[in-house]
Amino acid sequence: MKLGAFSISLSVKDLQKSKDFYEKLGFSVMAGTMEQNYLIMKNESTLVGLFQAMFDGNMLTFNPGWDQNAQNLDSFDDVRDIQKHLKENGVALEKAADESTSGPEHIFLKDPDGNMILIDQHR
């Protein structure tokens, strides 16, 4: 399966403090704004999403159709195809995609230790 760009999505208490901290580690803002309550920070090919008051807990995030620079990939596995593969292999989903649609959609699942995984297709 082609899951696309990978990042860790962190639920932060203070977006400005988190931004300042990750900048000290060499990250810079790639996307998002303070007004939108989220920033995507990048250091080389590593992505960290900082989200204030948008969700509880942290999660692993994959973006089918994007590379690590949020550029469209020519070839990718649609989230609905990924969902079908997961279901066929007995993986339970916390939130399933609407298979009657196309384009942007997402699914949520948990790994065996309860860590949340978001597969979020933007196109």
PDB file of N, CA and C in Angstrom:
ATOM      1  N   MET A   1       0.840  -1.190   0.000  1.00  0.00           N
ATOM      2  CA  MET A   1       0.000   0.000   0.000  1.00  0.00           C
ATOM      3  C   MET A   1       0.877   1.242   0.000  1.00  0.00           C
ATOM      4  N   LYS A   2       0.425   2.239  -0.735  1.00  0.00           N
ATOM      5  CA  LYS A   2       1.088   3.537  -0.731  1.00  0.00           C
ATOM      6  C   LYS A   2       0.290   4.458   0.181  1.00  0.00           C
ATOM      7  N   LEU A   3       0.860   4.773   1.341  1.00  0.00           N
ATOM      8  CA  LEU A   3       0.156   5.591   2.324  1.00  0.00           C
ATOM      9  C   LEU A   3       0.442   7.080   2.184  1.00  0.00           C
ATOM     10  N   GLY A   4       1.442   7.447   1.395  1.00  0.00           N
ATOM     11  CA  GLY A   4       1.747   8.855   1.180  1.00  0.00           C
ATOM     12  C   GLY A   4       2.600   9.448   2.275  1.00  0.00           C
ATOM     13  N   ALA A   5       2.540  10.770   2.388  1.00  0.00           N
ATOM     14  CA  ALA A   5       3.360  11.500   3.354  1.00  0.00           C
ATOM     15  C   ALA A   5       3.046  11.052   4.776  1.00  0.00           C
ATOM     16  N   PHE A   6       4.082  10.987   5.599  1.00  0.00           N
ATOM     17  CA  PHE A   6       3.916  10.615   7.006  1.00  0.00           C
ATOM     18  C   PHE A   6       4.258  11.798   7.890  1.00  0.00           C
ATOM     19  N   SER A   7       3.476  11.969   8.944  1.00  0.00           N
ATOM     20  CA  SER A   7       3.792  12.955   9.977  1.00  0.00           C
ATOM     21  C   SER A   7       3.222  12.476  11.302  1.00  0.00           C
ATOM     22  N   ILE A   8       3.713  13.069  12.351  1.00  0.00           N
ATOM     23  CA  ILE A   8       3.112  12.867  13.670  1.00  0.00           C
ATOM     24  C   ILE A   8       2.260  14.099  13.933  1.00  0.00           C
ATOM     25  N   SER A   9       1.046  13.902  14.381  1.00  0.00           N
ATOM     26  CA  SER A   9       0.140  15.008  14.696  1.00  0.00           C
ATOM     27  C   SER A   9       0.033  15.109  16.209  1.00  0.00           C
ATOM     28  N   LEU A  10       0.465  16.234  16.743  1.00  0.00           N
ATOM     29  CA  LEU A  10       0.495  16.440  18.187  1.00  0.00           C
ATOM     30  C   LEU A  10      -0.593  17.409  18.618  1.00  0.00           C
ATOM     31  N   SER A  11      -1.323  17.019  19.636  1.00  0.00           N
ATOM     32  CA  SER A  11      -2.306  17.905  20.260  1.00  0.00           C
ATOM     33  C   SER A  11      -1.545  18.745  21.280  1.00  0.00           C
ATOM     34  N   VAL A  12      -1.455  20.057  21.028  1.00  0.00           N
ATOM     35  CA  VAL A  12      -0.638  20.922  21.887  1.00  0.00           C
ATOM     36  C   VAL A  12      -1.514  21.875  22.691  1.00  0.00           C
ATOM     37  N   LYS A  13      -1.005  22.271  23.865  1.00  0.00           N
ATOM     38  CA  LYS A  13      -1.740  23.193  24.736  1.00  0.00           C
ATOM     39  C   LYS A  13      -1.545  24.639  24.320  1.00  0.00           C
ATOM     40  N   ASP A  14      -0.345  24.982  23.871  1.00  0.00           N
ATOM     41  CA  ASP A  14      -0.023  26.359  23.503  1.00  0.00           C
ATOM     42  C   ASP A  14       0.741  26.316  22.183  1.00  0.00           C
ATOM     43  N   LEU A  15       0.054  26.674  21.099  1.00  0.00           N
ATOM     44  CA  LEU A  15       0.628  26.573  19.763  1.00  0.00           C
ATOM     45  C   LEU A  15       1.896  27.412  19.621  1.00  0.00           C
ATOM     46  N   GLN A  16       1.901  28.613  20.170  1.00  0.00           N
ATOM     47  CA  GLN A  16       3.088  29.480  20.056  1.00  0.00           C
ATOM     48  C   GLN A  16       4.297  28.874  20.761  1.00  0.00           C
ATOM     49  N   LYS A  17       4.091  28.353  21.974  1.00  0.00           N
ATOM     50  CA  LYS A  17       5.198  27.729  22.709  1.00  0.00           C
ATOM     51  C   LYS A  17       5.724  26.505  21.955  1.00  0.00           C
ATOM     52  N   SER A  18       4.815  25.719  21.394  1.00  0.00           N
ATOM     53  CA  SER A  18       5.231  24.539  20.642  1.00  0.00           C
ATOM     54  C   SER A  18       5.988  24.934  19.378  1.00  0.00           C
ATOM     55  N   LYS A  19       5.493  25.945  18.685  1.00  0.00           N
ATOM     56  CA  LYS A  19       6.171  26.450  17.487  1.00  0.00           C
ATOM     57  C   LYS A  19       7.594  26.881  17.840  1.00  0.00           C
ATOM     58  N   ASP A  20       7.720  27.679  18.884  1.00  0.00           N
ATOM     59  CA  ASP A  20       9.039  28.158  19.312  1.00  0.00           C
ATOM     60  C   ASP A  20       9.971  26.992  19.642  1.00  0.00           C
ATOM     61  N   PHE A  21       9.457  25.990  20.334  1.00  0.00           N
ATOM     62  CA  PHE A  21      10.261  24.825  20.708  1.00  0.00           C
ATOM     63  C   PHE A  21      10.761  24.084  19.470  1.00  0.00           C
ATOM     64  N   TYR A  22       9.852  23.774  18.543  1.00  0.00           N
ATOM     65  CA  TYR A  22      10.248  23.003  17.363  1.00  0.00           C
ATOM     66  C   TYR A  22      11.157  23.810  16.437  1.00  0.00           C
ATOM     67  N   GLU A  23      11.028  25.126  16.427  1.00  0.00           N
ATOM     68  CA  GLU A  23      11.971  25.954  15.662  1.00  0.00           C
ATOM     69  C   GLU A  23      13.375  25.826  16.236  1.00  0.00           C
ATOM     70  N   LYS A  24      13.498  25.694  17.552  1.00  0.00           N
ATOM     71  CA  LYS A  24      14.807  25.503  18.179  1.00  0.00           C
ATOM     72  C   LYS A  24      15.424  24.162  17.798  1.00  0.00           C
ATOM     73  N   LEU A  25      14.582  23.203  17.388  1.00  0.00           N
ATOM     74  CA  LEU A  25      15.068  21.897  16.923  1.00  0.00           C
ATOM     75  C   LEU A  25      15.353  21.907  15.428  1.00  0.00           C
ATOM     76  N   GLY A  26      15.192  23.061  14.794  1.00  0.00           N
ATOM     77  CA  GLY A  26      15.498  23.163  13.368  1.00  0.00           C
ATOM     78  C   GLY A  26      14.308  23.044  12.444  1.00  0.00           C
ATOM     79  N   PHE A  27      13.100  23.008  12.986  1.00  0.00           N
ATOM     80  CA  PHE A  27      11.892  22.925  12.163  1.00  0.00           C
ATOM     81  C   PHE A  27      11.473  24.331  11.738  1.00  0.00           C
ATOM     82  N   SER A  28      10.791  24.424  10.598  1.00  0.00           N
ATOM     83  CA  SER A  28      10.196  25.689  10.161  1.00  0.00           C
ATOM     84  C   SER A  28       8.767  25.411   9.706  1.00  0.00           C
ATOM     85  N   VAL A  29       7.956  26.454   9.716  1.00  0.00           N
ATOM     86  CA  VAL A  29       6.548  26.308   9.334  1.00  0.00           C
ATOM     87  C   VAL A  29       6.445  26.029   7.845  1.00  0.00           C
ATOM     88  N   MET A  30       5.725  24.961   7.520  1.00  0.00           N
ATOM     89  CA  MET A  30       5.503  24.573   6.126  1.00  0.00           C
ATOM     90  C   MET A  30       4.075  24.901   5.693  1.00  0.00           C
ATOM     91  N   ALA A  31       3.134  24.807   6.624  1.00  0.00           N
ATOM     92  CA  ALA A  31       1.717  25.037   6.307  1.00  0.00           C
ATOM     93  C   ALA A  31       0.982  25.392   7.586  1.00  0.00           C
ATOM     94  N   GLY A  32      -0.236  25.898   7.418  1.00  0.00           N
ATOM     95  CA  GLY A  32      -1.067  26.264   8.553  1.00  0.00           C
ATOM     96  C   GLY A  32      -0.754  27.665   9.048  1.00  0.00           C
ATOM     97  N   THR A  33      -1.601  28.149   9.957  1.00  0.00           N
ATOM     98  CA  THR A  33      -1.397  29.475  10.557  1.00  0.00           C
ATOM     99  C   THR A  33      -1.814  29.427  12.018  1.00  0.00           C
ATOM    100  N   MET A  34      -1.343  30.389  12.769  1.00  0.00           N
ATOM    101  CA  MET A  34      -1.735  30.508  14.171  1.00  0.00           C
ATOM    102  C   MET A  34      -3.251  30.710  14.267  1.00  0.00           C
ATOM    103  N   GLU A  35      -3.815  31.496  13.338  1.00  0.00           N
ATOM    104  CA  GLU A  35      -5.252  31.776  13.356  1.00  0.00           C
ATOM    105  C   GLU A  35      -6.094  30.522  13.102  1.00  0.00           C
ATOM    106  N   GLN A  36      -5.532  29.573  12.367  1.00  0.00           N
ATOM    107  CA  GLN A  36      -6.228  28.316  12.088  1.00  0.00           C
ATOM    108  C   GLN A  36      -6.015  27.282  13.195  1.00  0.00           C
ATOM    109  N   ASN A  37      -5.211  27.620  14.184  1.00  0.00           N
ATOM    110  CA  ASN A  37      -4.888  26.755  15.320  1.00  0.00           C
ATOM    111  C   ASN A  37      -4.096  25.508  14.949  1.00  0.00           C
ATOM    112  N   TYR A  38      -3.383  25.561  13.810  1.00  0.00           N
ATOM    113  CA  TYR A  38      -2.490  24.452  13.497  1.00  0.00           C
ATOM    114  C   TYR A  38      -1.326  24.928  12.638  1.00  0.00           C
ATOM    115  N   LEU A  39      -0.204  24.240  12.812  1.00  0.00           N
ATOM    116  CA  LEU A  39       0.996  24.471  12.012  1.00  0.00           C
ATOM    117  C   LEU A  39       1.580  23.123  11.631  1.00  0.00           C
ATOM    118  N   ILE A  40       2.033  23.010  10.401  1.00  0.00           N
ATOM    119  CA  ILE A  40       2.792  21.840   9.989  1.00  0.00           C
ATOM    120  C   ILE A  40       4.246  22.301   9.925  1.00  0.00           C
ATOM    121  N   MET A  41       5.077  21.670  10.740  1.00  0.00           N
ATOM    122  CA  MET A  41       6.485  22.038  10.853  1.00  0.00           C
ATOM    123  C   MET A  41       7.326  20.995  10.116  1.00  0.00           C
ATOM    124  N   LYS A  42       8.396  21.465   9.457  1.00  0.00           N
ATOM    125  CA  LYS A  42       9.227  20.556   8.661  1.00  0.00           C
ATOM    126  C   LYS A  42      10.700  20.772   8.965  1.00  0.00           C
ATOM    127  N   ASN A  43      11.425  19.660   9.058  1.00  0.00           N
ATOM    128  CA  ASN A  43      12.877  19.647   9.167  1.00  0.00           C
ATOM    129  C   ASN A  43      13.354  18.559   8.219  1.00  0.00           C
ATOM    130  N   GLU A  44      13.952  18.962   7.101  1.00  0.00           N
ATOM    131  CA  GLU A  44      14.333  18.046   6.028  1.00  0.00           C
ATOM    132  C   GLU A  44      13.087  17.278   5.574  1.00  0.00           C
ATOM    133  N   SER A  45      13.057  15.956   5.729  1.00  0.00           N
ATOM    134  CA  SER A  45      11.872  15.205   5.297  1.00  0.00           C
ATOM    135  C   SER A  45      10.943  14.850   6.457  1.00  0.00           C
ATOM    136  N   THR A  46      11.233  15.370   7.659  1.00  0.00           N
ATOM    137  CA  THR A  46      10.434  15.062   8.841  1.00  0.00           C
ATOM    138  C   THR A  46       9.348  16.114   9.047  1.00  0.00           C
ATOM    139  N   LEU A  47       8.114  15.649   9.239  1.00  0.00           N
ATOM    140  CA  LEU A  47       6.969  16.529   9.446  1.00  0.00           C
ATOM    141  C   LEU A  47       6.368  16.308  10.820  1.00  0.00           C
ATOM    142  N   VAL A  48       6.067  17.420  11.504  1.00  0.00           N
ATOM    143  CA  VAL A  48       5.365  17.383  12.780  1.00  0.00           C
ATOM    144  C   VAL A  48       4.205  18.368  12.671  1.00  0.00           C
ATOM    145  N   GLY A  49       2.985  17.871  12.869  1.00  0.00           N
ATOM    146  CA  GLY A  49       1.822  18.742  12.882  1.00  0.00           C
ATOM    147  C   GLY A  49       1.509  19.148  14.316  1.00  0.00           C
ATOM    148  N   LEU A  50       1.317  20.436  14.536  1.00  0.00           N
ATOM    149  CA  LEU A  50       0.965  20.968  15.858  1.00  0.00           C
ATOM    150  C   LEU A  50      -0.469  21.471  15.780  1.00  0.00           C
ATOM    151  N   PHE A  51      -1.345  20.917  16.595  1.00  0.00           N
ATOM    152  CA  PHE A  51      -2.772  21.235  16.545  1.00  0.00           C
ATOM    153  C   PHE A  51      -3.249  21.633  17.934  1.00  0.00           C
ATOM    154  N   GLN A  52      -3.783  22.835  18.064  1.00  0.00           N
ATOM    155  CA  GLN A  52      -4.284  23.317  19.352  1.00  0.00           C
ATOM    156  C   GLN A  52      -5.803  23.236  19.363  1.00  0.00           C
ATOM    157  N   ALA A  53      -6.348  22.529  20.353  1.00  0.00           N
ATOM    158  CA  ALA A  53      -7.791  22.421  20.579  1.00  0.00           C
ATOM    159  C   ALA A  53      -8.540  21.857  19.378  1.00  0.00           C
ATOM    160  N   MET A  54      -7.920  20.913  18.653  1.00  0.00           N
ATOM    161  CA  MET A  54      -8.585  20.319  17.493  1.00  0.00           C
ATOM    162  C   MET A  54      -8.937  18.853  17.719  1.00  0.00           C
ATOM    163  N   PHE A  55      -8.162  18.156  18.548  1.00  0.00           N
ATOM    164  CA  PHE A  55      -8.434  16.753  18.865  1.00  0.00           C
ATOM    165  C   PHE A  55      -7.682  16.405  20.137  1.00  0.00           C
ATOM    166  N   ASP A  56      -8.071  15.302  20.760  1.00  0.00           N
ATOM    167  CA  ASP A  56      -7.401  14.838  21.970  1.00  0.00           C
ATOM    168  C   ASP A  56      -6.336  13.812  21.601  1.00  0.00           C
ATOM    169  N   GLY A  57      -5.231  13.872  22.273  1.00  0.00           N
ATOM    170  CA  GLY A  57      -4.184  12.880  22.062  1.00  0.00           C
ATOM    171  C   GLY A  57      -3.376  13.138  20.805  1.00  0.00           C
ATOM    172  N   ASN A  58      -2.365  12.331  20.629  1.00  0.00           N
ATOM    173  CA  ASN A  58      -1.485  12.426  19.471  1.00  0.00           C
ATOM    174  C   ASN A  58      -1.793  11.286  18.520  1.00  0.00           C
ATOM    175  N   MET A  59      -1.431  11.451  17.244  1.00  0.00           N
ATOM    176  CA  MET A  59      -1.694  10.378  16.294  1.00  0.00           C
ATOM    177  C   MET A  59      -0.665  10.368  15.176  1.00  0.00           C
ATOM    178  N   LEU A  60      -0.520   9.201  14.592  1.00  0.00           N
ATOM    179  CA  LEU A  60       0.269   9.053  13.381  1.00  0.00           C
ATOM    180  C   LEU A  60      -0.630   9.447  12.218  1.00  0.00           C
ATOM    181  N   THR A  61      -0.085  10.189  11.253  1.00  0.00           N
ATOM    182  CA  THR A  61      -0.894  10.657  10.134  1.00  0.00           C
ATOM    183  C   THR A  61      -0.220  10.300   8.816  1.00  0.00           C
ATOM    184  N   PHE A  62      -1.014   9.778   7.897  1.00  0.00           N
ATOM    185  CA  PHE A  62      -0.570   9.487   6.539  1.00  0.00           C
ATOM    186  C   PHE A  62      -1.477  10.240   5.581  1.00  0.00           C
ATOM    187  N   ASN A  63      -0.899  10.780   4.506  1.00  0.00           N
ATOM    188  CA  ASN A  63      -1.664  11.533   3.517  1.00  0.00           C
ATOM    189  C   ASN A  63      -1.477  10.925   2.127  1.00  0.00           C
ATOM    190  N   PRO A  64      -2.366   9.981   1.756  1.00  0.00           N
ATOM    191  CA  PRO A  64      -2.278   9.426   0.405  1.00  0.00           C
ATOM    192  C   PRO A  64      -2.383  10.535  -0.637  1.00  0.00           C
ATOM    193  N   GLY A  65      -1.561  10.429  -1.667  1.00  0.00           N
ATOM    194  CA  GLY A  65      -1.603  11.398  -2.749  1.00  0.00           C
ATOM    195  C   GLY A  65      -0.619  12.534  -2.596  1.00  0.00           C
ATOM    196  N   TRP A  66       0.049  12.620  -1.439  1.00  0.00           N
ATOM    197  CA  TRP A  66       1.031  13.686  -1.195  1.00  0.00           C
ATOM    198  C   TRP A  66       2.401  13.109  -0.903  1.00  0.00           C
ATOM    199  N   ASP A  67       3.432  13.857  -1.286  1.00  0.00           N
ATOM    200  CA  ASP A  67       4.782  13.529  -0.841  1.00  0.00           C
ATOM    201  C   ASP A  67       5.083  14.346   0.426  1.00  0.00           C
ATOM    202  N   GLN A  68       6.307  14.278   0.933  1.00  0.00           N
ATOM    203  CA  GLN A  68       6.660  14.960   2.179  1.00  0.00           C
ATOM    204  C   GLN A  68       6.666  16.483   2.057  1.00  0.00           C
ATOM    205  N   ASN A  69       6.483  16.997   0.838  1.00  0.00           N
ATOM    206  CA  ASN A  69       6.401  18.441   0.616  1.00  0.00           C
ATOM    207  C   ASN A  69       4.970  18.879   0.313  1.00  0.00           C
ATOM    208  N   ALA A  70       3.991  17.998   0.564  1.00  0.00           N
ATOM    209  CA  ALA A  70       2.575  18.256   0.284  1.00  0.00           C
ATOM    210  C   ALA A  70       2.341  18.523  -1.194  1.00  0.00           C
ATOM    211  N   GLN A  71       3.180  17.909  -2.023  1.00  0.00           N
ATOM    212  CA  GLN A  71       3.005  17.988  -3.470  1.00  0.00           C
ATOM    213  C   GLN A  71       2.271  16.738  -3.941  1.00  0.00           C
ATOM    214  N   ASN A  72       1.404  16.916  -4.923  1.00  0.00           N
ATOM    215  CA  ASN A  72       0.627  15.799  -5.443  1.00  0.00           C
ATOM    216  C   ASN A  72       1.529  14.748  -6.079  1.00  0.00           C
ATOM    217  N   LEU A  73       1.231  13.490  -5.774  1.00  0.00           N
ATOM    218  CA  LEU A  73       1.903  12.358  -6.399  1.00  0.00           C
ATOM    219  C   LEU A  73       1.110  11.936  -7.635  1.00  0.00           C
ATOM    220  N   ASP A  74       1.812  11.508  -8.670  1.00  0.00           N
ATOM    221  CA  ASP A  74       1.134  11.043  -9.880  1.00  0.00           C
ATOM    222  C   ASP A  74       0.331   9.773  -9.616  1.00  0.00           C
ATOM    223  N   SER A  75       0.884   8.905  -8.795  1.00  0.00           N
ATOM    224  CA  SER A  75       0.252   7.619  -8.511  1.00  0.00           C
ATOM    225  C   SER A  75       0.131   7.439  -7.002  1.00  0.00           C
ATOM    226  N   PHE A  76      -1.055   7.059  -6.546  1.00  0.00           N
ATOM    227  CA  PHE A  76      -1.238   6.799  -5.112  1.00  0.00           C
ATOM    228  C   PHE A  76      -2.432   5.878  -4.925  1.00  0.00           C
ATOM    229  N   ASP A  77      -2.495   5.261  -3.755  1.00  0.00           N
ATOM    230  CA  ASP A  77      -3.620   4.401  -3.400  1.00  0.00           C
ATOM    231  C   ASP A  77      -4.683   5.249  -2.715  1.00  0.00           C
ATOM    232  N   ASP A  78      -5.869   5.241  -3.280  1.00  0.00           N
ATOM    233  CA  ASP A  78      -6.992   5.983  -2.706  1.00  0.00           C
ATOM    234  C   ASP A  78      -7.310   5.435  -1.314  1.00  0.00           C
ATOM    235  N   VAL A  79      -7.716   6.314  -0.422  1.00  0.00           N
ATOM    236  CA  VAL A  79      -8.027   5.922   0.959  1.00  0.00           C
ATOM    237  C   VAL A  79      -9.098   4.823   0.995  1.00  0.00           C
ATOM    238  N   ARG A  80     -10.005   4.812   0.037  1.00  0.00           N
ATOM    239  CA  ARG A  80     -11.043   3.779   0.005  1.00  0.00           C
ATOM    240  C   ARG A  80     -10.453   2.414  -0.339  1.00  0.00           C
ATOM    241  N   ASP A  81      -9.425   2.388  -1.196  1.00  0.00           N
ATOM    242  CA  ASP A  81      -8.735   1.138  -1.507  1.00  0.00           C
ATOM    243  C   ASP A  81      -7.921   0.664  -0.306  1.00  0.00           C
ATOM    244  N   ILE A  82      -7.310   1.605   0.397  1.00  0.00           N
ATOM    245  CA  ILE A  82      -6.586   1.256   1.618  1.00  0.00           C
ATOM    246  C   ILE A  82      -7.558   0.683   2.641  1.00  0.00           C
ATOM    247  N   GLN A  83      -8.717   1.320   2.784  1.00  0.00           N
ATOM    248  CA  GLN A  83      -9.750   0.841   3.704  1.00  0.00           C
ATOM    249  C   GLN A  83     -10.172  -0.576   3.346  1.00  0.00           C
ATOM    250  N   LYS A  84     -10.397  -0.835   2.082  1.00  0.00           N
ATOM    251  CA  LYS A  84     -10.807  -2.177   1.638  1.00  0.00           C
ATOM    252  C   LYS A  84      -9.747  -3.204   2.019  1.00  0.00           C
ATOM    253  N   HIS A  85      -8.486  -2.878   1.770  1.00  0.00           N
ATOM    254  CA  HIS A  85      -7.389  -3.789   2.115  1.00  0.00           C
ATOM    255  C   HIS A  85      -7.358  -4.052   3.627  1.00  0.00           C
ATOM    256  N   LEU A  86      -7.505  -2.996   4.425  1.00  0.00           N
ATOM    257  CA  LEU A  86      -7.486  -3.156   5.878  1.00  0.00           C
ATOM    258  C   LEU A  86      -8.632  -4.045   6.351  1.00  0.00           C
ATOM    259  N   LYS A  87      -9.833  -3.799   5.828  1.00  0.00           N
ATOM    260  CA  LYS A  87     -10.998  -4.606   6.218  1.00  0.00           C
ATOM    261  C   LYS A  87     -10.798  -6.063   5.829  1.00  0.00           C
ATOM    262  N   GLU A  88     -10.271  -6.297   4.628  1.00  0.00           N
ATOM    263  CA  GLU A  88     -10.019  -7.669   4.175  1.00  0.00           C
ATOM    264  C   GLU A  88      -9.022  -8.393   5.067  1.00  0.00           C
ATOM    265  N   ASN A  89      -8.172  -7.639   5.741  1.00  0.00           N
ATOM    266  CA  ASN A  89      -7.165  -8.216   6.620  1.00  0.00           C
ATOM    267  C   ASN A  89      -7.548  -8.137   8.093  1.00  0.00           C
ATOM    268  N   GLY A  90      -8.825  -7.873   8.350  1.00  0.00           N
ATOM    269  CA  GLY A  90      -9.339  -7.924   9.710  1.00  0.00           C
ATOM    270  C   GLY A  90      -8.995  -6.744  10.597  1.00  0.00           C
ATOM    271  N   VAL A  91      -8.622  -5.620   9.998  1.00  0.00           N
ATOM    272  CA  VAL A  91      -8.290  -4.432  10.789  1.00  0.00           C
ATOM    273  C   VAL A  91      -9.570  -3.634  11.037  1.00  0.00           C
ATOM    274  N   ALA A  92      -9.886  -3.419  12.303  1.00  0.00           N
ATOM    275  CA  ALA A  92     -11.076  -2.642  12.669  1.00  0.00           C
ATOM    276  C   ALA A  92     -10.812  -1.162  12.484  1.00  0.00           C
ATOM    277  N   LEU A  93     -11.812  -0.437  11.994  1.00  0.00           N
ATOM    278  CA  LEU A  93     -11.699   0.998  11.802  1.00  0.00           C
ATOM    279  C   LEU A  93     -12.533   1.728  12.838  1.00  0.00           C
ATOM    280  N   GLU A  94     -11.993   2.812  13.347  1.00  0.00           N
ATOM    281  CA  GLU A  94     -12.735   3.674  14.267  1.00  0.00           C
ATOM    282  C   GLU A  94     -13.704   4.558  13.486  1.00  0.00           C
ATOM    283  N   LYS A  95     -13.293   4.962  12.285  1.00  0.00           N
ATOM    284  CA  LYS A  95     -14.123   5.763  11.384  1.00  0.00           C
ATOM    285  C   LYS A  95     -13.798   5.325   9.971  1.00  0.00           C
ATOM    286  N   ALA A  96     -14.818   4.917   9.233  1.00  0.00           N
ATOM    287  CA  ALA A  96     -14.636   4.444   7.859  1.00  0.00           C
ATOM    288  C   ALA A  96     -14.943   5.552   6.859  1.00  0.00           C
ATOM    289  N   ALA A  97     -14.335   5.425   5.685  1.00  0.00           N
ATOM    290  CA  ALA A  97     -14.605   6.344   4.577  1.00  0.00           C
ATOM    291  C   ALA A  97     -15.894   5.936   3.880  1.00  0.00           C
ATOM    292  N   ASP A  98     -16.574   6.897   3.291  1.00  0.00           N
ATOM    293  CA  ASP A  98     -17.767   6.640   2.487  1.00  0.00           C
ATOM    294  C   ASP A  98     -17.302   6.127   1.130  1.00  0.00           C
ATOM    295  N   GLU A  99     -17.518   4.848   0.875  1.00  0.00           N
ATOM    296  CA  GLU A  99     -17.029   4.227  -0.352  1.00  0.00           C
ATOM    297  C   GLU A  99     -17.806   4.642  -1.592  1.00  0.00           C
ATOM    298  N   SER A 100     -18.910   5.356  -1.434  1.00  0.00           N
ATOM    299  CA  SER A 100     -19.689   5.802  -2.591  1.00  0.00           C
ATOM    300  C   SER A 100     -19.198   7.147  -3.118  1.00  0.00           C
ATOM    301  N   THR A 101     -18.168   7.712  -2.482  1.00  0.00           N
ATOM    302  CA  THR A 101     -17.650   9.013  -2.884  1.00  0.00           C
ATOM    303  C   THR A 101     -16.271   8.866  -3.508  1.00  0.00           C
ATOM    304  N   SER A 102     -15.739   9.964  -4.003  1.00  0.00           N
ATOM    305  CA  SER A 102     -14.365  10.027  -4.472  1.00  0.00           C
ATOM    306  C   SER A 102     -13.768  11.339  -3.969  1.00  0.00           C
ATOM    307  N   GLY A 103     -12.445  11.454  -4.066  1.00  0.00           N
ATOM    308  CA  GLY A 103     -11.790  12.676  -3.616  1.00  0.00           C
ATOM    309  C   GLY A 103     -11.451  12.636  -2.146  1.00  0.00           C
ATOM    310  N   PRO A 104     -11.397  13.818  -1.512  1.00  0.00           N
ATOM    311  CA  PRO A 104     -10.977  13.898  -0.115  1.00  0.00           C
ATOM    312  C   PRO A 104     -11.831  13.029   0.814  1.00  0.00           C
ATOM    313  N   GLU A 105     -11.162  12.328   1.724  1.00  0.00           N
ATOM    314  CA  GLU A 105     -11.835  11.456   2.696  1.00  0.00           C
ATOM    315  C   GLU A 105     -10.776  10.985   3.675  1.00  0.00           C
ATOM    316  N   HIS A 106     -11.200  10.449   4.809  1.00  0.00           N
ATOM    317  CA  HIS A 106     -10.243   9.953   5.801  1.00  0.00           C
ATOM    318  C   HIS A 106     -10.818   8.776   6.564  1.00  0.00           C
ATOM    319  N   ILE A 107      -9.905   8.032   7.178  1.00  0.00           N
ATOM    320  CA  ILE A 107     -10.271   6.932   8.068  1.00  0.00           C
ATOM    321  C   ILE A 107      -9.415   7.044   9.330  1.00  0.00           C
ATOM    322  N   PHE A 108      -9.946   6.500  10.423  1.00  0.00           N
ATOM    323  CA  PHE A 108      -9.218   6.407  11.692  1.00  0.00           C
ATOM    324  C   PHE A 108      -9.144   4.938  12.083  1.00  0.00           C
ATOM    325  N   LEU A 109      -8.016   4.535  12.643  1.00  0.00           N
ATOM    326  CA  LEU A 109      -7.872   3.209  13.208  1.00  0.00           C
ATOM    327  C   LEU A 109      -6.901   3.288  14.368  1.00  0.00           C
ATOM    328  N   LYS A 110      -6.829   2.228  15.136  1.00  0.00           N
ATOM    329  CA  LYS A 110      -5.895   2.170  16.267  1.00  0.00           C
ATOM    330  C   LYS A 110      -4.985   0.973  16.076  1.00  0.00           C
ATOM    331  N   ASP A 111      -3.736   1.142  16.480  1.00  0.00           N
ATOM    332  CA  ASP A 111      -2.821   0.004  16.460  1.00  0.00           C
ATOM    333  C   ASP A 111      -3.092  -0.850  17.704  1.00  0.00           C
ATOM    334  N   PRO A 112      -2.433  -1.997  17.855  1.00  0.00           N
ATOM    335  CA  PRO A 112      -2.723  -2.880  18.995  1.00  0.00           C
ATOM    336  C   PRO A 112      -2.534  -2.242  20.367  1.00  0.00           C
ATOM    337  N   ASP A 113      -1.761  -1.158  20.448  1.00  0.00           N
ATOM    338  CA  ASP A 113      -1.537  -0.484  21.730  1.00  0.00           C
ATOM    339  C   ASP A 113      -2.445   0.712  21.935  1.00  0.00           C
ATOM    340  N   GLY A 114      -3.397   0.911  21.031  1.00  0.00           N
ATOM    341  CA  GLY A 114      -4.351   2.000  21.170  1.00  0.00           C
ATOM    342  C   GLY A 114      -3.901   3.326  20.583  1.00  0.00           C
ATOM    343  N   ASN A 115      -2.767   3.331  19.874  1.00  0.00           N
ATOM    344  CA  ASN A 115      -2.304   4.561  19.232  1.00  0.00           C
ATOM    345  C   ASN A 115      -3.178   4.862  18.012  1.00  0.00           C
ATOM    346  N   MET A 116      -3.632   6.102  17.921  1.00  0.00           N
ATOM    347  CA  MET A 116      -4.506   6.495  16.825  1.00  0.00           C
ATOM    348  C   MET A 116      -3.695   6.689  15.540  1.00  0.00           C
ATOM    349  N   ILE A 117      -4.283   6.259  14.430  1.00  0.00           N
ATOM    350  CA  ILE A 117      -3.712   6.457  13.114  1.00  0.00           C
ATOM    351  C   ILE A 117      -4.780   7.106  12.247  1.00  0.00           C
ATOM    352  N   LEU A 118      -4.408   8.196  11.602  1.00  0.00           N
ATOM    353  CA  LEU A 118      -5.274   8.907  10.677  1.00  0.00           C
ATOM    354  C   LEU A 118      -4.720   8.735   9.280  1.00  0.00           C
ATOM    355  N   ILE A 119      -5.540   8.274   8.363  1.00  0.00           N
ATOM    356  CA  ILE A 119      -5.179   8.243   6.947  1.00  0.00           C
ATOM    357  C   ILE A 119      -6.096   9.256   6.283  1.00  0.00           C
ATOM    358  N   ASP A 120      -5.509  10.377   5.913  1.00  0.00           N
ATOM    359  CA  ASP A 120      -6.252  11.583   5.523  1.00  0.00           C
ATOM    360  C   ASP A 120      -5.877  11.996   4.106  1.00  0.00           C
ATOM    361  N   GLN A 121      -6.778  11.723   3.173  1.00  0.00           N
ATOM    362  CA  GLN A 121      -6.551  12.038   1.754  1.00  0.00           C
ATOM    363  C   GLN A 121      -7.174  13.404   1.451  1.00  0.00           C
ATOM    364  N   HIS A 122      -6.359  14.301   0.919  1.00  0.00           N
ATOM    365  CA  HIS A 122      -6.816  15.677   0.661  1.00  0.00           C
ATOM    366  C   HIS A 122      -7.267  15.926  -0.770  1.00  0.00           C
ATOM    367  N   ARG A 123      -7.136  14.947  -1.659  1.00  0.00           N
ATOM    368  CA  ARG A 123      -7.548  15.184  -3.044  1.00  0.00           C
ATOM    369  C   ARG A 123      -8.210  13.968  -3.644  1.00  0.00           C
TER     370      ARG A 123
END
